[in-house]
Protein backbone atom coordinates (compact mmCIF):
# COMPACT_ATOMS: atom_id res chain seq x y z
CA MET A 1 -37.84 -62.43 32.58
CA LYS A 2 -34.94 -60.02 32.28
CA ALA A 3 -35.23 -56.89 30.17
CA LEU A 4 -34.31 -57.26 26.51
CA PRO A 5 -32.24 -54.80 24.45
CA LEU A 6 -34.19 -52.22 22.45
CA ALA A 7 -33.06 -53.69 19.14
CA THR A 8 -34.26 -57.14 20.19
CA LEU A 9 -37.64 -55.79 21.26
CA ALA A 10 -38.07 -53.82 18.05
CA PHE A 11 -37.25 -56.92 15.97
CA ALA A 12 -39.68 -59.11 17.90
CA ALA A 13 -42.53 -56.63 17.81
CA THR A 14 -42.07 -56.01 14.09
CA LEU A 15 -41.95 -59.74 13.37
CA SER A 16 -45.18 -60.22 15.31
CA GLY A 17 -47.00 -57.87 12.94
CA GLN A 18 -45.95 -59.28 9.58
CA ALA A 19 -49.05 -61.46 9.23
CA PHE A 20 -51.42 -58.49 9.56
CA ALA A 21 -52.96 -56.06 7.19
CA GLY A 22 -52.15 -52.58 8.44
CA LEU A 23 -54.39 -51.03 11.09
CA VAL A 24 -55.19 -47.36 10.71
CA VAL A 25 -55.90 -45.23 13.79
CA ASP A 26 -59.03 -43.33 12.78
CA GLY A 27 -61.42 -44.10 15.64
CA HIS A 28 -63.86 -46.07 13.50
CA LEU A 29 -62.46 -49.63 13.92
CA ASN A 30 -63.35 -50.54 10.32
CA ASP A 31 -60.18 -52.62 9.92
CA TRP A 32 -60.50 -54.61 13.18
CA GLN A 33 -62.96 -57.04 11.49
CA ILE A 34 -65.49 -56.78 14.32
CA ASP A 35 -68.73 -58.74 14.04
CA LYS A 36 -71.54 -56.26 14.70
CA ASP A 37 -73.70 -58.81 16.49
CA THR A 38 -71.15 -60.41 18.84
CA LEU A 39 -68.49 -57.62 18.89
CA VAL A 40 -65.89 -60.38 18.36
CA SER A 41 -62.87 -59.51 16.22
CA SER A 42 -61.84 -62.07 13.61
CA LEU A 43 -58.56 -60.30 12.83
CA ALA A 44 -55.70 -62.71 13.48
CA GLY A 45 -53.66 -61.97 16.60
CA VAL A 46 -56.28 -59.79 18.31
CA HIS A 47 -57.09 -60.50 21.96
CA TYR A 48 -60.36 -59.12 23.22
CA THR A 49 -62.86 -58.93 26.06
CA VAL A 50 -66.57 -58.49 25.30
CA GLU A 51 -68.97 -57.40 28.06
CA ASP A 52 -71.91 -55.98 26.09
CA SER A 53 -74.63 -57.13 28.48
CA THR A 54 -76.61 -54.02 29.42
CA GLY A 55 -79.06 -51.62 27.86
CA GLY A 56 -81.42 -48.84 28.75
CA ALA A 57 -80.79 -45.82 30.94
CA ASN A 58 -80.50 -47.17 34.49
CA ALA A 59 -79.41 -50.80 34.15
CA TYR A 60 -76.96 -52.26 36.65
CA LEU A 61 -73.39 -52.49 35.44
CA ASN A 62 -70.70 -53.70 37.84
CA PRO A 63 -70.21 -52.29 40.42
CA GLY A 64 -72.35 -49.22 39.59
CA TYR A 65 -75.51 -48.37 37.68
CA GLY A 66 -75.83 -46.01 34.72
CA GLY A 67 -76.96 -48.32 31.92
CA GLN A 68 -75.83 -47.81 28.35
CA ALA A 69 -74.40 -44.34 29.04
CA TYR A 70 -71.68 -45.90 31.25
CA ASP A 71 -71.30 -49.31 29.66
CA ALA A 72 -67.76 -50.56 28.89
CA GLU A 73 -68.58 -53.02 26.12
CA ALA A 74 -65.52 -54.39 24.34
CA LEU A 75 -61.75 -53.90 24.51
CA TYR A 76 -59.25 -55.15 21.92
CA ALA A 77 -55.45 -55.27 21.73
CA THR A 78 -52.81 -56.54 19.33
CA PHE A 79 -49.19 -55.92 18.33
CA GLN A 80 -48.49 -54.94 14.74
CA ASN A 81 -45.40 -53.55 13.02
CA GLY A 82 -43.66 -52.70 16.28
CA ARG A 83 -46.67 -50.99 17.85
CA LEU A 84 -49.31 -51.89 20.41
CA PHE A 85 -52.81 -51.18 19.06
CA ILE A 86 -55.79 -50.76 21.40
CA ALA A 87 -59.47 -50.33 20.51
CA LEU A 88 -62.51 -49.76 22.72
CA ILE A 89 -66.28 -49.87 22.21
CA THR A 90 -68.35 -48.17 24.90
CA GLY A 91 -71.75 -46.61 25.43
CA HIS A 92 -70.06 -43.66 27.15
CA ASN A 93 -69.73 -40.50 25.08
CA PRO A 94 -66.13 -39.16 25.21
CA LEU A 95 -67.57 -35.62 25.41
CA THR A 96 -69.41 -36.34 28.67
CA ALA A 97 -68.58 -33.57 31.14
CA ASN A 98 -67.15 -34.41 34.54
CA ASN A 99 -69.69 -33.01 37.00
CA PRO A 100 -69.92 -35.23 40.08
CA GLY A 101 -72.32 -32.78 41.73
CA ALA A 102 -74.85 -33.62 39.02
CA ASN A 103 -73.95 -37.32 39.09
CA VAL A 104 -72.27 -37.09 35.68
CA TYR A 105 -68.75 -38.45 35.10
CA ALA A 106 -66.30 -38.10 32.22
CA ALA A 107 -64.33 -40.85 30.53
CA GLY A 108 -61.10 -42.12 32.08
CA ASP A 109 -57.72 -42.73 30.50
CA PHE A 110 -56.13 -46.05 29.49
CA ALA A 111 -54.04 -47.84 32.12
CA ILE A 112 -51.42 -50.57 31.57
CA ASP A 113 -50.39 -53.02 34.30
CA PHE A 114 -47.04 -54.72 33.63
CA GLY A 115 -46.88 -58.09 35.33
CA LYS A 116 -50.67 -58.14 35.86
CA ASN A 117 -50.26 -57.41 39.58
CA GLY A 118 -52.56 -54.40 39.94
CA THR A 119 -49.86 -51.70 39.91
CA TYR A 120 -50.67 -49.95 36.58
CA GLU A 121 -47.26 -48.46 35.77
CA LEU A 122 -48.25 -46.71 32.53
CA GLY A 123 -51.04 -44.28 31.61
CA ILE A 124 -52.24 -42.97 28.24
CA ASN A 125 -53.85 -39.53 28.50
CA ILE A 126 -56.74 -39.57 26.04
CA VAL A 127 -59.60 -37.45 27.37
CA ASN A 128 -58.83 -36.07 30.84
CA ASN A 129 -56.00 -33.65 30.12
CA PHE A 130 -54.66 -33.02 33.63
CA ALA A 131 -52.94 -29.74 34.46
CA GLY A 132 -49.76 -29.60 32.41
CA GLY A 133 -50.52 -32.89 30.68
CA LEU A 134 -50.66 -33.60 26.96
CA LEU A 135 -53.51 -35.34 25.21
CA GLY A 136 -52.06 -38.50 23.72
CA GLY A 137 -49.19 -38.43 26.18
CA VAL A 138 -47.84 -41.74 27.49
CA TYR A 139 -46.88 -41.38 31.16
CA SER A 140 -44.76 -43.54 33.43
CA ASN A 141 -44.82 -43.11 37.23
CA PRO A 142 -48.52 -42.24 36.95
CA LEU A 143 -50.58 -40.71 39.71
CA TRP A 144 -54.09 -42.12 39.32
CA ALA A 145 -57.55 -40.98 40.29
CA TYR A 146 -59.96 -43.74 41.33
CA GLY A 147 -63.69 -44.30 41.21
CA LEU A 148 -66.57 -44.39 43.68
CA TRP A 149 -66.56 -48.05 44.65
CA GLY A 150 -64.78 -50.05 47.33
CA THR A 151 -63.24 -53.49 46.93
CA ASN A 152 -66.50 -55.17 47.98
CA GLY A 153 -68.49 -53.25 45.35
CA SER A 154 -70.18 -50.89 47.80
CA LEU A 155 -70.21 -47.12 47.40
CA ASN A 156 -67.02 -45.96 49.13
CA PRO A 157 -65.37 -42.98 47.38
CA ASN A 158 -63.09 -42.36 50.39
CA ASN A 159 -61.53 -45.81 50.05
CA PRO A 160 -61.94 -46.84 46.39
CA ASP A 161 -60.87 -50.06 44.73
CA LYS A 162 -57.40 -49.32 43.32
CA ALA A 163 -57.63 -52.23 40.91
CA HIS A 164 -59.54 -49.89 38.57
CA PRO A 165 -57.71 -46.58 38.04
CA THR A 166 -59.75 -43.98 36.21
CA SER A 167 -57.85 -40.92 34.95
CA LEU A 168 -54.32 -39.56 35.19
CA LEU A 169 -53.55 -36.81 37.67
CA ASN A 170 -49.81 -36.63 36.92
CA GLY A 171 -46.85 -38.62 35.65
CA THR A 172 -43.61 -38.58 33.67
CA LEU A 173 -44.08 -38.03 29.95
CA ILE A 174 -42.09 -40.63 27.98
CA GLY A 175 -43.80 -40.70 24.58
CA MET A 176 -46.90 -39.99 22.54
CA ALA A 177 -49.69 -42.25 21.30
CA ASP A 178 -51.56 -41.94 18.03
CA PHE A 179 -55.24 -41.80 18.99
CA ASP A 180 -58.70 -40.95 17.78
CA TYR A 181 -62.26 -41.44 19.01
CA THR A 182 -65.79 -40.88 17.79
CA THR A 183 -68.24 -38.45 19.40
CA ASN A 184 -71.40 -39.34 17.45
CA GLY A 185 -73.05 -42.47 18.82
CA VAL A 186 -73.98 -45.17 16.32
CA GLY A 187 -76.39 -48.10 16.61
CA GLY A 188 -76.42 -51.50 14.97
CA TYR A 189 -73.87 -53.18 17.27
CA GLY A 190 -74.25 -55.82 19.95
CA SER A 191 -77.42 -57.47 21.21
CA ARG A 192 -79.40 -54.20 21.36
CA LYS A 193 -79.27 -52.54 17.97
CA SER A 194 -80.81 -49.28 19.18
CA ASP A 195 -78.06 -48.65 21.74
CA LYS A 196 -75.56 -45.92 20.90
CA HIS A 197 -71.86 -46.82 20.80
CA TYR A 198 -68.63 -44.82 20.73
CA PHE A 199 -65.21 -46.00 19.56
CA TYR A 200 -61.65 -45.29 20.69
CA GLU A 201 -58.52 -46.38 18.83
CA LEU A 202 -54.86 -45.78 19.65
CA SER A 203 -51.37 -47.13 19.12
CA ILE A 204 -48.05 -46.88 20.98
CA ASP A 205 -44.53 -47.75 19.88
CA ALA A 206 -43.39 -50.92 21.68
CA LEU A 207 -40.11 -49.21 22.58
CA VAL A 208 -42.05 -46.71 24.70
CA LEU A 209 -43.51 -49.66 26.63
CA GLN A 210 -40.01 -50.93 27.39
CA GLU A 211 -38.86 -47.48 28.49
CA ALA A 212 -41.71 -47.57 31.02
CA GLY A 213 -40.42 -50.86 32.43
CA TRP A 214 -41.96 -53.57 30.24
CA ASP A 215 -39.68 -56.61 30.13
CA GLY A 216 -41.63 -58.58 27.53
CA SER A 217 -43.86 -60.42 30.00
CA ALA A 218 -47.65 -60.39 30.05
CA PHE A 219 -49.59 -57.25 30.97
CA ASN A 220 -53.16 -55.98 31.21
CA ILE A 221 -54.84 -52.95 29.67
CA GLN A 222 -57.76 -51.37 31.51
CA TRP A 223 -60.30 -48.60 30.86
CA THR A 224 -63.16 -47.16 32.86
CA GLN A 225 -64.96 -43.87 33.49
CA ASN A 226 -64.16 -41.43 36.30
CA CYS A 227 -66.91 -43.02 38.41
CA ALA A 228 -65.66 -46.56 37.57
CA ASN A 229 -69.25 -47.77 37.20
CA ASP A 230 -68.09 -50.33 34.65
CA SER A 231 -64.47 -51.22 33.88
CA ILE A 232 -63.03 -53.50 31.21
CA LEU A 233 -59.66 -55.23 30.94
CA VAL A 234 -57.76 -57.19 28.28
CA ASP A 235 -54.42 -58.99 28.07
CA PRO A 236 -52.88 -58.49 24.60
CA GLY A 237 -51.32 -61.94 24.88
CA PHE A 238 -47.87 -61.09 23.59
CA VAL A 239 -44.58 -62.18 25.16
CA VAL A 240 -41.23 -61.26 23.61
CA PRO A 241 -39.28 -64.47 22.74
CA GLU A 242 -36.02 -65.21 24.56
CA PRO A 243 -32.88 -64.27 22.58
CA GLY A 244 -32.28 -67.91 21.62
CA SER A 245 -35.73 -68.16 20.11
CA LEU A 246 -35.15 -64.95 18.18
CA ALA A 247 -31.98 -66.40 16.68
CA LEU A 248 -33.90 -69.43 15.45
CA LEU A 249 -36.57 -67.19 13.97
CA GLY A 250 -33.93 -65.17 12.16
CA VAL A 251 -32.70 -68.27 10.26
CA GLY A 252 -36.03 -68.56 8.50
CA MET A 253 -36.57 -64.86 7.98
CA ILE A 254 -36.46 -64.96 4.19
CA GLY A 255 -39.14 -67.63 4.05
CA LEU A 256 -41.27 -65.73 6.55
CA MET A 257 -41.19 -62.64 4.37
CA GLY A 258 -43.13 -64.51 1.72
CA GLY A 259 -45.44 -66.67 3.75
CA GLY A 260 -46.15 -64.60 6.85
CA VAL A 261 -45.84 -65.73 10.44
CA ARG A 262 -48.21 -68.23 12.02
CA ARG A 263 -50.26 -66.34 14.57
CA ARG A 264 -52.65 -67.39 17.30
CA PHE A 265 -56.15 -66.15 16.57
CA GLY A 266 -58.23 -63.64 18.50
CA ARG A 267 -59.93 -65.08 21.53
CA LYS A 268 -62.13 -63.84 24.29
CA GLN A 269 -60.24 -63.35 27.52
């Protein structure tokens, strides 16, 4: 699909959000309508992946161990009012220090893969503020760090699986994300109510995505820790309509203002 003009993209992204109540980036995910037992979001238009399947201190994840302290549990994404919203539930405390010598690894940053081909052209610097980097910075041309595991799942830090980038090492700053996260673990979620969970929430203007090379086609969002013991990925499921489709939508704009836009509902990827 060829790149669309900025005005077209802004119109399409704004239209996609008219059926939503407004999301607020506060790190607590109260407005994502997440079921505490299943971690499924019932908010219309949300795409999500749920992988809450571990517990305890040393349980196997995939490809590493680490149990609840390194569990990537659920990742959500949706477009609303011209912005991409992302939310994460994890058992990994954002304040975890990065100390590989003690077998302790910090949280990674968020990575976006336009075209879903494993290239990860965009990074969002949330926790690991690299030298000269800005927390909340959105970076194109990213230089990524990778985890401890090879493509076959074996321990191979000298030749890691590049399908799971961890944290930014450098890049070209093109915008800023609104973001927040919690640092006090809370229970009551998922299949093990005693497990502690931490929440991330952020949003990015859709125009920043296009500046980084997004042409309106499908893309993936990924998050993992610096060790990459457990990664999680979601496709937000949004494709910008072709210009002809946008023209047809514009004819009924007045009616849409009153009735909202029919949206596909959240589904597990």
